[in-house]
C-alpha cells in the first residue's frame, strides 16, 4: 500500500484495512482535507485496536516518523518523535517525556465499516 488514503476531499476517506498495519506496528497515510491540502496521519495497531493521530508533534509541528511508517520506539511501546525524542502514549497520544510533556497529539477518529477503517482529514483540533 502506498500510504495514500482514498476518498473525496474532506469527506470521510478509506484509510486501510486493519490487517494492512502490522500487529504491534504503525503505518503512515496521507489524506486530503476539505480545503484541498494534504494531511499526514498515522495509525498504530495492537491486536484488534487501531488508534490514529495527525502526524505532527505538538512541540514544533514537525512530522513524528523516523522513516516512512516508523513512529514507534524500539520496543514498540510508545510513539516517539524523531525530531526531539518526545515520547507519547499510544492509547491517548499524551506526551509522557520530552519537551512537550502533557501536551497531546491530535487524535484522528476512526470509523470501522466492515473490514475497513475510514477517517476524516479534518479532525477537530
PDB file of N, CA and C in Angstrom:
ATOM      1  N   UNK A   1       0.839  -1.182   0.000  1.00  0.00           N
ATOM      2  CA  UNK A   1       0.000   0.000   0.000  1.00  0.00           C
ATOM      3  C   UNK A   1       0.880   1.239   0.000  1.00  0.00           C
ATOM      4  N   UNK A   2       0.519   2.230  -0.727  1.00  0.00           N
ATOM      5  CA  UNK A   2       1.348   3.404  -0.913  1.00  0.00           C
ATOM      6  C   UNK A   2       1.276   4.386   0.240  1.00  0.00           C
ATOM      7  N   UNK A   3       0.289   4.268   1.103  1.00  0.00           N
ATOM      8  CA  UNK A   3       0.103   5.239   2.152  1.00  0.00           C
ATOM      9  C   UNK A   3      -0.880   6.324   1.766  1.00  0.00           C
ATOM     10  N   UNK A   4      -1.358   6.290   0.550  1.00  0.00           N
ATOM     11  CA  UNK A   4      -2.368   7.241   0.119  1.00  0.00           C
ATOM     12  C   UNK A   4      -3.739   6.681   0.451  1.00  0.00           C
ATOM     13  N   UNK A   5      -4.508   7.419   1.247  1.00  0.00           N
ATOM     14  CA  UNK A   5      -5.866   7.001   1.546  1.00  0.00           C
ATOM     15  C   UNK A   5      -6.758   7.433   0.387  1.00  0.00           C
ATOM     16  N   UNK A   6      -7.849   6.732   0.200  1.00  0.00           N
ATOM     17  CA  UNK A   6      -8.722   7.051  -0.921  1.00  0.00           C
ATOM     18  C   UNK A   6     -10.026   7.653  -0.426  1.00  0.00           C
ATOM     19  N   UNK A   7     -10.586   8.543  -1.213  1.00  0.00           N
ATOM     20  CA  UNK A   7     -11.865   9.152  -0.879  1.00  0.00           C
ATOM     21  C   UNK A   7     -11.944  10.553  -1.430  1.00  0.00           C
ATOM     22  N   UNK A   8     -13.096  11.186  -1.200  1.00  0.00           N
ATOM     23  CA  UNK A   8     -13.308  12.538  -1.689  1.00  0.00           C
ATOM     24  C   UNK A   8     -12.651  13.537  -0.749  1.00  0.00           C
ATOM     25  N   UNK A   9     -12.262  14.693  -1.282  1.00  0.00           N
ATOM     26  CA  UNK A   9     -11.639  15.727  -0.469  1.00  0.00           C
ATOM     27  C   UNK A   9     -12.513  16.079   0.723  1.00  0.00           C
ATOM     28  N   UNK A  10     -11.906  16.046   1.934  1.00  0.00           N
ATOM     29  CA  UNK A  10     -12.584  16.482   3.131  1.00  0.00           C
ATOM     30  C   UNK A  10     -13.605  15.516   3.690  1.00  0.00           C
ATOM     31  N   UNK A  11     -14.074  14.609   2.879  1.00  0.00           N
ATOM     32  CA  UNK A  11     -15.065  13.644   3.337  1.00  0.00           C
ATOM     33  C   UNK A  11     -14.353  12.530   4.090  1.00  0.00           C
ATOM     34  N   UNK A  12     -15.139  11.682   4.713  1.00  0.00           N
ATOM     35  CA  UNK A  12     -14.548  10.514   5.337  1.00  0.00           C
ATOM     36  C   UNK A  12     -13.929   9.672   4.231  1.00  0.00           C
ATOM     37  N   UNK A  13     -12.655   9.312   4.429  1.00  0.00           N
ATOM     38  CA  UNK A  13     -11.896   8.606   3.408  1.00  0.00           C
ATOM     39  C   UNK A  13     -11.438   7.255   3.931  1.00  0.00           C
ATOM     40  N   UNK A  14     -11.329   6.291   3.018  1.00  0.00           N
ATOM     41  CA  UNK A  14     -10.824   4.978   3.403  1.00  0.00           C
ATOM     42  C   UNK A  14      -9.363   5.140   3.801  1.00  0.00           C
ATOM     43  N   UNK A  15      -9.038   4.665   4.990  1.00  0.00           N
ATOM     44  CA  UNK A  15      -7.651   4.686   5.446  1.00  0.00           C
ATOM     45  C   UNK A  15      -6.977   3.374   5.073  1.00  0.00           C
ATOM     46  N   UNK A  16      -7.530   2.252   5.548  1.00  0.00           N
ATOM     47  CA  UNK A  16      -6.951   0.948   5.266  1.00  0.00           C
ATOM     48  C   UNK A  16      -7.807  -0.129   5.913  1.00  0.00           C
ATOM     49  N   UNK A  17      -7.465  -1.367   5.643  1.00  0.00           N
ATOM     50  CA  UNK A  17      -7.980  -2.483   6.429  1.00  0.00           C
ATOM     51  C   UNK A  17      -7.028  -2.653   7.604  1.00  0.00           C
ATOM     52  N   UNK A  18      -7.527  -3.015   8.795  1.00  0.00           N
ATOM     53  CA  UNK A  18      -6.625  -3.159   9.940  1.00  0.00           C
ATOM     54  C   UNK A  18      -5.428  -4.075   9.655  1.00  0.00           C
ATOM     55  N   UNK A  19      -5.613  -5.113   8.859  1.00  0.00           N
ATOM     56  CA  UNK A  19      -4.533  -6.036   8.537  1.00  0.00           C
ATOM     57  C   UNK A  19      -3.414  -5.432   7.714  1.00  0.00           C
ATOM     58  N   UNK A  20      -3.634  -4.233   7.148  1.00  0.00           N
ATOM     59  CA  UNK A  20      -2.584  -3.553   6.398  1.00  0.00           C
ATOM     60  C   UNK A  20      -1.574  -2.865   7.317  1.00  0.00           C
ATOM     61  N   UNK A  21      -1.902  -2.806   8.613  1.00  0.00           N
ATOM     62  CA  UNK A  21      -0.972  -2.296   9.619  1.00  0.00           C
ATOM     63  C   UNK A  21      -0.483  -3.513  10.393  1.00  0.00           C
ATOM     64  N   UNK A  22       0.806  -3.745  10.483  1.00  0.00           N
ATOM     65  CA  UNK A  22       1.283  -4.920  11.217  1.00  0.00           C
ATOM     66  C   UNK A  22       0.864  -4.860  12.684  1.00  0.00           C
ATOM     67  N   UNK A  23       0.471  -5.984  13.251  1.00  0.00           N
ATOM     68  CA  UNK A  23       0.119  -6.019  14.665  1.00  0.00           C
ATOM     69  C   UNK A  23       1.337  -5.601  15.477  1.00  0.00           C
ATOM     70  N   UNK A  24       1.163  -4.607  16.337  1.00  0.00           N
ATOM     71  CA  UNK A  24       2.281  -4.073  17.101  1.00  0.00           C
ATOM     72  C   UNK A  24       3.076  -3.033  16.343  1.00  0.00           C
ATOM     73  N   UNK A  25       2.591  -2.634  15.163  1.00  0.00           N
ATOM     74  CA  UNK A  25       3.312  -1.691  14.321  1.00  0.00           C
ATOM     75  C   UNK A  25       2.514  -0.444  14.005  1.00  0.00           C
ATOM     76  N   UNK A  26       3.042   0.336  13.077  1.00  0.00           N
ATOM     77  CA  UNK A  26       2.429   1.602  12.687  1.00  0.00           C
ATOM     78  C   UNK A  26       2.532   1.788  11.179  1.00  0.00           C
ATOM     79  N   UNK A  27       1.729   2.714  10.671  1.00  0.00           N
ATOM     80  CA  UNK A  27       1.745   2.987   9.231  1.00  0.00           C
ATOM     81  C   UNK A  27       1.290   4.424   9.009  1.00  0.00           C
ATOM     82  N   UNK A  28       1.961   5.123   8.114  1.00  0.00           N
ATOM     83  CA  UNK A  28       1.599   6.486   7.773  1.00  0.00           C
ATOM     84  C   UNK A  28       0.714   6.543   6.540  1.00  0.00           C
ATOM     85  N   UNK A  29      -0.094   7.601   6.465  1.00  0.00           N
ATOM     86  CA  UNK A  29      -1.031   7.804   5.357  1.00  0.00           C
ATOM     87  C   UNK A  29      -1.114   9.289   5.048  1.00  0.00           C
ATOM     88  N   UNK A  30      -1.625   9.610   3.879  1.00  0.00           N
ATOM     89  CA  UNK A  30      -1.912  10.984   3.513  1.00  0.00           C
ATOM     90  C   UNK A  30      -3.378  11.081   3.140  1.00  0.00           C
ATOM     91  N   UNK A  31      -4.087  12.000   3.792  1.00  0.00           N
ATOM     92  CA  UNK A  31      -5.492  12.258   3.490  1.00  0.00           C
ATOM     93  C   UNK A  31      -5.607  13.634   2.841  1.00  0.00           C
ATOM     94  N   UNK A  32      -6.725  13.892   2.201  1.00  0.00           N
ATOM     95  CA  UNK A  32      -6.967  15.196   1.573  1.00  0.00           C
ATOM     96  C   UNK A  32      -8.050  15.921   2.363  1.00  0.00           C
ATOM     97  N   UNK A  33      -7.739  17.108   2.885  1.00  0.00           N
ATOM     98  CA  UNK A  33      -8.684  17.904   3.659  1.00  0.00           C
ATOM     99  C   UNK A  33      -9.692  18.590   2.752  1.00  0.00           C
ATOM    100  N   UNK A  34     -10.750  19.125   3.353  1.00  0.00           N
ATOM    101  CA  UNK A  34     -11.804  19.803   2.593  1.00  0.00           C
ATOM    102  C   UNK A  34     -11.258  20.989   1.815  1.00  0.00           C
ATOM    103  N   UNK A  35     -10.212  21.645   2.345  1.00  0.00           N
ATOM    104  CA  UNK A  35      -9.646  22.807   1.637  1.00  0.00           C
ATOM    105  C   UNK A  35      -8.601  22.409   0.593  1.00  0.00           C
ATOM    106  N   UNK A  36      -8.423  21.097   0.380  1.00  0.00           N
ATOM    107  CA  UNK A  36      -7.525  20.608  -0.651  1.00  0.00           C
ATOM    108  C   UNK A  36      -6.114  20.283  -0.193  1.00  0.00           C
ATOM    109  N   UNK A  37      -5.742  20.680   1.026  1.00  0.00           N
ATOM    110  CA  UNK A  37      -4.378  20.395   1.488  1.00  0.00           C
ATOM    111  C   UNK A  37      -4.239  18.929   1.892  1.00  0.00           C
ATOM    112  N   UNK A  38      -3.017  18.455   1.812  1.00  0.00           N
ATOM    113  CA  UNK A  38      -2.726  17.092   2.247  1.00  0.00           C
ATOM    114  C   UNK A  38      -2.471  17.084   3.745  1.00  0.00           C
ATOM    115  N   UNK A  39      -3.015  16.092   4.428  1.00  0.00           N
ATOM    116  CA  UNK A  39      -2.840  15.948   5.866  1.00  0.00           C
ATOM    117  C   UNK A  39      -2.168  14.599   6.114  1.00  0.00           C
ATOM    118  N   UNK A  40      -0.976  14.644   6.701  1.00  0.00           N
ATOM    119  CA  UNK A  40      -0.258  13.410   7.023  1.00  0.00           C
ATOM    120  C   UNK A  40      -0.770  12.877   8.358  1.00  0.00           C
ATOM    121  N   UNK A  41      -1.109  11.599   8.374  1.00  0.00           N
ATOM    122  CA  UNK A  41      -1.630  10.946   9.563  1.00  0.00           C
ATOM    123  C   UNK A  41      -0.924   9.606   9.728  1.00  0.00           C
ATOM    124  N   UNK A  42      -1.125   8.964  10.880  1.00  0.00           N
ATOM    125  CA  UNK A  42      -0.594   7.623  11.071  1.00  0.00           C
ATOM    126  C   UNK A  42      -1.503   6.843  11.994  1.00  0.00           C
ATOM    127  N   UNK A  43      -1.377   5.536  11.920  1.00  0.00           N
ATOM    128  CA  UNK A  43      -2.170   4.645  12.760  1.00  0.00           C
ATOM    129  C   UNK A  43      -1.251   3.619  13.401  1.00  0.00           C
ATOM    130  N   UNK A  44      -1.623   3.202  14.609  1.00  0.00           N
ATOM    131  CA  UNK A  44      -0.892   2.189  15.361  1.00  0.00           C
ATOM    132  C   UNK A  44      -1.880   1.076  15.688  1.00  0.00           C
ATOM    133  N   UNK A  45      -1.476  -0.165  15.472  1.00  0.00           N
ATOM    134  CA  UNK A  45      -2.358  -1.316  15.718  1.00  0.00           C
ATOM    135  C   UNK A  45      -1.822  -2.180  16.845  1.00  0.00           C
ATOM    136  N   UNK A  46      -2.722  -2.550  17.756  1.00  0.00           N
ATOM    137  CA  UNK A  46      -2.463  -3.510  18.827  1.00  0.00           C
ATOM    138  C   UNK A  46      -3.605  -4.509  18.808  1.00  0.00           C
ATOM    139  N   UNK A  47      -3.388  -5.661  18.190  1.00  0.00           N
ATOM    140  CA  UNK A  47      -4.467  -6.640  18.069  1.00  0.00           C
ATOM    141  C   UNK A  47      -5.587  -6.077  17.224  1.00  0.00           C
ATOM    142  N   UNK A  48      -6.791  -6.037  17.788  1.00  0.00           N
ATOM    143  CA  UNK A  48      -7.952  -5.510  17.063  1.00  0.00           C
ATOM    144  C   UNK A  48      -8.136  -4.005  17.248  1.00  0.00           C
ATOM    145  N   UNK A  49      -7.304  -3.382  18.068  1.00  0.00           N
ATOM    146  CA  UNK A  49      -7.446  -1.955  18.354  1.00  0.00           C
ATOM    147  C   UNK A  49      -6.486  -1.152  17.482  1.00  0.00           C
ATOM    148  N   UNK A  50      -7.051  -0.177  16.751  1.00  0.00           N
ATOM    149  CA  UNK A  50      -6.245   0.728  15.926  1.00  0.00           C
ATOM    150  C   UNK A  50      -6.531   2.152  16.389  1.00  0.00           C
ATOM    151  N   UNK A  51      -5.479   2.901  16.654  1.00  0.00           N
ATOM    152  CA  UNK A  51      -5.602   4.307  17.024  1.00  0.00           C
ATOM    153  C   UNK A  51      -4.865   5.128  15.975  1.00  0.00           C
ATOM    154  N   UNK A  52      -5.399   6.315  15.685  1.00  0.00           N
ATOM    155  CA  UNK A  52      -4.796   7.153  14.647  1.00  0.00           C
ATOM    156  C   UNK A  52      -4.645   8.585  15.140  1.00  0.00           C
ATOM    157  N   UNK A  53      -3.622   9.247  14.620  1.00  0.00           N
ATOM    158  CA  UNK A  53      -3.300  10.621  15.002  1.00  0.00           C
ATOM    159  C   UNK A  53      -2.790  11.385  13.778  1.00  0.00           C
ATOM    160  N   UNK A  54      -2.888  12.719  13.849  1.00  0.00           N
ATOM    161  CA  UNK A  54      -2.248  13.575  12.853  1.00  0.00           C
ATOM    162  C   UNK A  54      -0.740  13.472  13.085  1.00  0.00           C
ATOM    163  N   UNK A  55       0.026  13.360  12.013  1.00  0.00           N
ATOM    164  CA  UNK A  55       1.479  13.197  12.079  1.00  0.00           C
ATOM    165  C   UNK A  55       2.151  14.556  12.273  1.00  0.00           C
ATOM    166  N   UNK A  56       1.996  15.087  13.506  1.00  0.00           N
ATOM    167  CA  UNK A  56       2.563  16.404  13.813  1.00  0.00           C
ATOM    168  C   UNK A  56       2.833  16.470  15.318  1.00  0.00           C
ATOM    169  N   UNK A  57       4.066  16.722  15.674  1.00  0.00           N
ATOM    170  CA  UNK A  57       4.441  16.857  17.078  1.00  0.00           C
ATOM    171  C   UNK A  57       3.886  18.175  17.627  1.00  0.00           C
ATOM    172  N   UNK A  58       3.270  18.171  18.821  1.00  0.00           N
ATOM    173  CA  UNK A  58       2.751  19.423  19.375  1.00  0.00           C
ATOM    174  C   UNK A  58       3.855  20.396  19.797  1.00  0.00           C
ATOM    175  N   UNK A  59       5.087  19.939  19.902  1.00  0.00           N
ATOM    176  CA  UNK A  59       6.191  20.794  20.320  1.00  0.00           C
ATOM    177  C   UNK A  59       6.615  21.772  19.233  1.00  0.00           C
ATOM    178  N   UNK A  60       6.907  21.253  18.041  1.00  0.00           N
ATOM    179  CA  UNK A  60       7.398  22.095  16.943  1.00  0.00           C
ATOM    180  C   UNK A  60       6.597  21.967  15.652  1.00  0.00           C
ATOM    181  N   UNK A  61       5.613  21.079  15.648  1.00  0.00           N
ATOM    182  CA  UNK A  61       4.817  20.904  14.440  1.00  0.00           C
ATOM    183  C   UNK A  61       5.482  20.045  13.387  1.00  0.00           C
ATOM    184  N   UNK A  62       6.568  19.375  13.730  1.00  0.00           N
ATOM    185  CA  UNK A  62       7.290  18.539  12.778  1.00  0.00           C
ATOM    186  C   UNK A  62       6.677  17.145  12.689  1.00  0.00           C
ATOM    187  N   UNK A  63       6.911  16.446  11.584  1.00  0.00           N
ATOM    188  CA  UNK A  63       6.435  15.060  11.484  1.00  0.00           C
ATOM    189  C   UNK A  63       7.126  14.191  12.543  1.00  0.00           C
ATOM    190  N   UNK A  64       6.441  13.157  12.968  1.00  0.00           N
ATOM    191  CA  UNK A  64       6.939  12.291  14.035  1.00  0.00           C
ATOM    192  C   UNK A  64       7.815  11.150  13.543  1.00  0.00           C
ATOM    193  N   UNK A  65       7.587  10.673  12.314  1.00  0.00           N
ATOM    194  CA  UNK A  65       8.232   9.437  11.866  1.00  0.00           C
ATOM    195  C   UNK A  65       9.718   9.598  11.580  1.00  0.00           C
ATOM    196  N   UNK A  66      10.468   8.538  11.968  1.00  0.00           N
ATOM    197  CA  UNK A  66      11.905   8.452  11.709  1.00  0.00           C
ATOM    198  C   UNK A  66      12.158   8.179  10.241  1.00  0.00           C
ATOM    199  N   UNK A  67      11.455   7.211   9.731  1.00  0.00           N
ATOM    200  CA  UNK A  67      11.454   6.809   8.327  1.00  0.00           C
ATOM    201  C   UNK A  67      10.004   6.520   7.986  1.00  0.00           C
ATOM    202  N   UNK A  68       9.664   6.368   6.723  1.00  0.00           N
ATOM    203  CA  UNK A  68       8.266   6.081   6.391  1.00  0.00           C
ATOM    204  C   UNK A  68       7.718   4.919   7.216  1.00  0.00           C
ATOM    205  N   UNK A  69       6.582   5.153   7.833  1.00  0.00           N
ATOM    206  CA  UNK A  69       5.818   4.162   8.612  1.00  0.00           C
ATOM    207  C   UNK A  69       6.464   3.802   9.939  1.00  0.00           C
ATOM    208  N   UNK A  70       7.503   4.497  10.373  1.00  0.00           N
ATOM    209  CA  UNK A  70       8.165   4.177  11.638  1.00  0.00           C
ATOM    210  C   UNK A  70       7.920   5.290  12.655  1.00  0.00           C
ATOM    211  N   UNK A  71       6.952   5.046  13.545  1.00  0.00           N
ATOM    212  CA  UNK A  71       6.513   6.025  14.533  1.00  0.00           C
ATOM    213  C   UNK A  71       6.767   5.578  15.964  1.00  0.00           C
ATOM    214  N   UNK A  72       7.195   4.341  16.156  1.00  0.00           N
ATOM    215  CA  UNK A  72       7.285   3.775  17.498  1.00  0.00           C
ATOM    216  C   UNK A  72       8.717   3.677  17.991  1.00  0.00           C
ATOM    217  N   UNK A  73       8.860   3.622  19.330  1.00  0.00           N
ATOM    218  CA  UNK A  73      10.178   3.408  19.917  1.00  0.00           C
ATOM    219  C   UNK A  73      10.635   1.982  19.608  1.00  0.00           C
ATOM    220  N   UNK A  74      11.900   1.644  19.864  1.00  0.00           N
ATOM    221  CA  UNK A  74      12.409   0.316  19.508  1.00  0.00           C
ATOM    222  C   UNK A  74      11.637  -0.857  20.124  1.00  0.00           C
ATOM    223  N   UNK A  75      11.020  -0.620  21.303  1.00  0.00           N
ATOM    224  CA  UNK A  75      10.238  -1.676  21.953  1.00  0.00           C
ATOM    225  C   UNK A  75       8.801  -1.730  21.449  1.00  0.00           C
ATOM    226  N   UNK A  76       8.387  -0.742  20.661  1.00  0.00           N
ATOM    227  CA  UNK A  76       7.023  -0.696  20.159  1.00  0.00           C
ATOM    228  C   UNK A  76       6.002  -0.355  21.226  1.00  0.00           C
ATOM    229  N   UNK A  77       6.443   0.252  22.320  1.00  0.00           N
ATOM    230  CA  UNK A  77       5.537   0.555  23.431  1.00  0.00           C
ATOM    231  C   UNK A  77       4.993   1.977  23.400  1.00  0.00           C
ATOM    232  N   UNK A  78       5.694   2.879  22.723  1.00  0.00           N
ATOM    233  CA  UNK A  78       5.298   4.286  22.692  1.00  0.00           C
ATOM    234  C   UNK A  78       5.532   4.872  21.306  1.00  0.00           C
ATOM    235  N   UNK A  79       4.842   5.975  21.036  1.00  0.00           N
ATOM    236  CA  UNK A  79       5.085   6.773  19.847  1.00  0.00           C
ATOM    237  C   UNK A  79       6.273   7.685  20.183  1.00  0.00           C
ATOM    238  N   UNK A  80       7.199   7.824  19.257  1.00  0.00           N
ATOM    239  CA  UNK A  80       8.422   8.578  19.510  1.00  0.00           C
ATOM    240  C   UNK A  80       8.616   9.629  18.417  1.00  0.00           C
ATOM    241  N   UNK A  81       8.829  10.880  18.819  1.00  0.00           N
ATOM    242  CA  UNK A  81       9.077  11.958  17.862  1.00  0.00           C
ATOM    243  C   UNK A  81      10.526  11.909  17.400  1.00  0.00           C
ATOM    244  N   UNK A  82      10.722  11.883  16.107  1.00  0.00           N
ATOM    245  CA  UNK A  82      12.066  11.802  15.533  1.00  0.00           C
ATOM    246  C   UNK A  82      12.868  13.089  15.724  1.00  0.00           C
ATOM    247  N   UNK A  83      12.207  14.213  15.915  1.00  0.00           N
ATOM    248  CA  UNK A  83      12.912  15.494  15.999  1.00  0.00           C
ATOM    249  C   UNK A  83      13.555  15.731  17.363  1.00  0.00           C
ATOM    250  N   UNK A  84      12.776  15.591  18.441  1.00  0.00           N
ATOM    251  CA  UNK A  84      13.291  15.904  19.768  1.00  0.00           C
ATOM    252  C   UNK A  84      13.147  14.762  20.766  1.00  0.00           C
ATOM    253  N   UNK A  85      12.706  13.595  20.325  1.00  0.00           N
ATOM    254  CA  UNK A  85      12.623  12.442  21.208  1.00  0.00           C
ATOM    255  C   UNK A  85      11.461  12.449  22.178  1.00  0.00           C
ATOM    256  N   UNK A  86      10.450  13.270  21.944  1.00  0.00           N
ATOM    257  CA  UNK A  86       9.270  13.258  22.810  1.00  0.00           C
ATOM    258  C   UNK A  86       8.622  11.866  22.743  1.00  0.00           C
ATOM    259  N   UNK A  87       8.125  11.404  23.878  1.00  0.00           N
ATOM    260  CA  UNK A  87       7.530  10.073  23.992  1.00  0.00           C
ATOM    261  C   UNK A  87       6.041  10.235  24.299  1.00  0.00           C
ATOM    262  N   UNK A  88       5.196   9.570  23.504  1.00  0.00           N
ATOM    263  CA  UNK A  88       3.743   9.680  23.637  1.00  0.00           C
ATOM    264  C   UNK A  88       3.129   8.306  23.904  1.00  0.00           C
ATOM    265  N   UNK A  89       2.079   8.284  24.722  1.00  0.00           N
ATOM    266  CA  UNK A  89       1.343   7.039  24.941  1.00  0.00           C
ATOM    267  C   UNK A  89       0.531   6.729  23.696  1.00  0.00           C
ATOM    268  N   UNK A  90       0.499   5.462  23.335  1.00  0.00           N
ATOM    269  CA  UNK A  90      -0.272   5.037  22.164  1.00  0.00           C
ATOM    270  C   UNK A  90      -1.762   5.205  22.402  1.00  0.00           C
ATOM    271  N   UNK A  91      -2.227   4.881  23.605  1.00  0.00           N
ATOM    272  CA  UNK A  91      -3.671   4.847  23.861  1.00  0.00           C
ATOM    273  C   UNK A  91      -4.361   6.202  23.815  1.00  0.00           C
ATOM    274  N   UNK A  92      -3.639   7.320  24.091  1.00  0.00           N
ATOM    275  CA  UNK A  92      -4.309   8.619  24.072  1.00  0.00           C
ATOM    276  C   UNK A  92      -3.463   9.750  23.469  1.00  0.00           C
ATOM    277  N   UNK A  93      -2.239   9.451  23.046  1.00  0.00           N
ATOM    278  CA  UNK A  93      -1.393  10.459  22.411  1.00  0.00           C
ATOM    279  C   UNK A  93      -0.808  11.493  23.344  1.00  0.00           C
ATOM    280  N   UNK A  94      -0.908  11.289  24.665  1.00  0.00           N
ATOM    281  CA  UNK A  94      -0.364  12.250  25.625  1.00  0.00           C
ATOM    282  C   UNK A  94       1.146  12.060  25.732  1.00  0.00           C
ATOM    283  N   UNK A  95       1.885  13.183  25.725  1.00  0.00           N
ATOM    284  CA  UNK A  95       3.340  13.154  25.866  1.00  0.00           C
ATOM    285  C   UNK A  95       3.690  12.881  27.321  1.00  0.00           C
ATOM    286  N   UNK A  96       4.506  11.857  27.537  1.00  0.00           N
ATOM    287  CA  UNK A  96       4.893  11.493  28.898  1.00  0.00           C
ATOM    288  C   UNK A  96       6.365  11.804  29.191  1.00  0.00           C
ATOM    289  N   UNK A  97       7.124  12.184  28.188  1.00  0.00           N
ATOM    290  CA  UNK A  97       8.527  12.567  28.379  1.00  0.00           C
ATOM    291  C   UNK A  97       8.978  13.405  27.197  1.00  0.00           C
ATOM    292  N   UNK A  98       9.822  14.394  27.472  1.00  0.00           N
ATOM    293  CA  UNK A  98      10.342  15.224  26.397  1.00  0.00           C
ATOM    294  C   UNK A  98       9.898  16.665  26.526  1.00  0.00           C
ATOM    295  N   UNK A  99      10.151  17.469  25.495  1.00  0.00           N
ATOM    296  CA  UNK A  99       9.932  18.910  25.568  1.00  0.00           C
ATOM    297  C   UNK A  99       8.462  19.340  25.569  1.00  0.00           C
ATOM    298  N   UNK A 100       7.536  18.423  25.341  1.00  0.00           N
ATOM    299  CA  UNK A 100       6.117  18.811  25.303  1.00  0.00           C
ATOM    300  C   UNK A 100       5.285  17.965  26.273  1.00  0.00           C
ATOM    301  N   UNK A 101       5.886  17.609  27.417  1.00  0.00           N
ATOM    302  CA  UNK A 101       5.210  16.774  28.405  1.00  0.00           C
ATOM    303  C   UNK A 101       3.819  17.316  28.718  1.00  0.00           C
ATOM    304  N   UNK A 102       2.859  16.406  28.724  1.00  0.00           N
ATOM    305  CA  UNK A 102       1.433  16.637  28.999  1.00  0.00           C
ATOM    306  C   UNK A 102       0.668  17.238  27.822  1.00  0.00           C
ATOM    307  N   UNK A 103       1.351  17.617  26.758  1.00  0.00           N
ATOM    308  CA  UNK A 103       0.626  18.008  25.545  1.00  0.00           C
ATOM    309  C   UNK A 103       0.186  16.729  24.844  1.00  0.00           C
ATOM    310  N   UNK A 104      -0.692  16.848  23.849  1.00  0.00           N
ATOM    311  CA  UNK A 104      -1.280  15.658  23.233  1.00  0.00           C
ATOM    312  C   UNK A 104      -1.251  15.756  21.717  1.00  0.00           C
ATOM    313  N   UNK A 105      -1.033  14.604  21.083  1.00  0.00           N
ATOM    314  CA  UNK A 105      -1.175  14.511  19.634  1.00  0.00           C
ATOM    315  C   UNK A 105      -2.643  14.729  19.280  1.00  0.00           C
ATOM    316  N   UNK A 106      -2.893  15.186  18.057  1.00  0.00           N
ATOM    317  CA  UNK A 106      -4.274  15.369  17.607  1.00  0.00           C
ATOM    318  C   UNK A 106      -4.842  14.020  17.188  1.00  0.00           C
ATOM    319  N   UNK A 107      -5.859  13.535  17.927  1.00  0.00           N
ATOM    320  CA  UNK A 107      -6.428  12.230  17.576  1.00  0.00           C
ATOM    321  C   UNK A 107      -7.216  12.296  16.277  1.00  0.00           C
ATOM    322  N   UNK A 108      -7.246  11.205  15.589  1.00  0.00           N
ATOM    323  CA  UNK A 108      -7.981  11.089  14.341  1.00  0.00           C
ATOM    324  C   UNK A 108      -9.033   9.997  14.545  1.00  0.00           C
ATOM    325  N   UNK A 109     -10.284  10.378  14.773  1.00  0.00           N
ATOM    326  CA  UNK A 109     -11.320   9.363  14.992  1.00  0.00           C
ATOM    327  C   UNK A 109     -11.450   8.445  13.780  1.00  0.00           C
ATOM    328  N   UNK A 110     -11.549   7.161  14.064  1.00  0.00           N
ATOM    329  CA  UNK A 110     -11.694   6.151  13.014  1.00  0.00           C
ATOM    330  C   UNK A 110     -13.093   5.571  13.033  1.00  0.00           C
ATOM    331  N   UNK A 111     -13.575   5.236  11.865  1.00  0.00           N
ATOM    332  CA  UNK A 111     -14.876   4.575  11.714  1.00  0.00           C
ATOM    333  C   UNK A 111     -14.628   3.243  11.027  1.00  0.00           C
ATOM    334  N   UNK A 112     -15.114   2.178  11.642  1.00  0.00           N
ATOM    335  CA  UNK A 112     -14.954   0.849  11.050  1.00  0.00           C
ATOM    336  C   UNK A 112     -16.210   0.538  10.232  1.00  0.00           C
ATOM    337  N   UNK A 113     -15.990   0.203   8.959  1.00  0.00           N
ATOM    338  CA  UNK A 113     -17.078  -0.221   8.060  1.00  0.00           C
ATOM    339  C   UNK A 113     -16.689  -1.585   7.528  1.00  0.00           C
ATOM    340  N   UNK A 114     -17.301  -2.613   8.079  1.00  0.00           N
ATOM    341  CA  UNK A 114     -16.916  -3.964   7.704  1.00  0.00           C
ATOM    342  C   UNK A 114     -15.487  -4.212   8.095  1.00  0.00           C
ATOM    343  N   UNK A 115     -14.661  -4.558   7.122  1.00  0.00           N
ATOM    344  CA  UNK A 115     -13.251  -4.845   7.380  1.00  0.00           C
ATOM    345  C   UNK A 115     -12.334  -3.685   7.022  1.00  0.00           C
ATOM    346  N   UNK A 116     -12.869  -2.472   6.962  1.00  0.00           N
ATOM    347  CA  UNK A 116     -12.043  -1.332   6.583  1.00  0.00           C
ATOM    348  C   UNK A 116     -12.218  -0.185   7.573  1.00  0.00           C
ATOM    349  N   UNK A 117     -11.177   0.648   7.664  1.00  0.00           N
ATOM    350  CA  UNK A 117     -11.196   1.823   8.529  1.00  0.00           C
ATOM    351  C   UNK A 117     -11.278   3.080   7.686  1.00  0.00           C
ATOM    352  N   UNK A 118     -12.080   4.033   8.148  1.00  0.00           N
ATOM    353  CA  UNK A 118     -12.253   5.305   7.466  1.00  0.00           C
ATOM    354  C   UNK A 118     -11.964   6.445   8.440  1.00  0.00           C
ATOM    355  N   UNK A 119     -11.492   7.569   7.920  1.00  0.00           N
ATOM    356  CA  UNK A 119     -11.171   8.730   8.743  1.00  0.00           C
ATOM    357  C   UNK A 119     -11.425  10.004   7.937  1.00  0.00           C
ATOM    358  N   UNK A 120     -11.579  11.116   8.646  1.00  0.00           N
ATOM    359  CA  UNK A 120     -11.681  12.422   8.018  1.00  0.00           C
ATOM    360  C   UNK A 120     -10.357  13.136   8.166  1.00  0.00           C
ATOM    361  N   UNK A 121      -9.963  13.886   7.161  1.00  0.00           N
ATOM    362  CA  UNK A 121      -8.717  14.658   7.207  1.00  0.00           C
ATOM    363  C   UNK A 121      -8.917  15.962   7.960  1.00  0.00           C
ATOM    364  N   UNK A 122     -10.119  16.199   8.455  1.00  0.00           N
ATOM    365  CA  UNK A 122     -10.420  17.439   9.164  1.00  0.00           C
ATOM    366  C   UNK A 122     -10.824  17.151  10.602  1.00  0.00           C
ATOM    367  N   UNK A 123      -9.888  16.582  11.401  1.00  0.00           N
ATOM    368  CA  UNK A 123     -10.220  16.312  12.797  1.00  0.00           C
ATOM    369  C   UNK A 123     -10.379  17.615  13.564  1.00  0.00           C
ATOM    370  N   UNK A 124     -11.156  17.573  14.624  1.00  0.00           N
ATOM    371  CA  UNK A 124     -11.292  18.765  15.460  1.00  0.00           C
ATOM    372  C   UNK A 124      -9.975  18.957  16.201  1.00  0.00           C
ATOM    373  N   UNK A 125      -9.433  20.141  16.126  1.00  0.00           N
ATOM    374  CA  UNK A 125      -8.127  20.419  16.781  1.00  0.00           C
ATOM    375  C   UNK A 125      -8.338  21.384  17.913  1.00  0.00           C
TER     376      UNK A 125
END
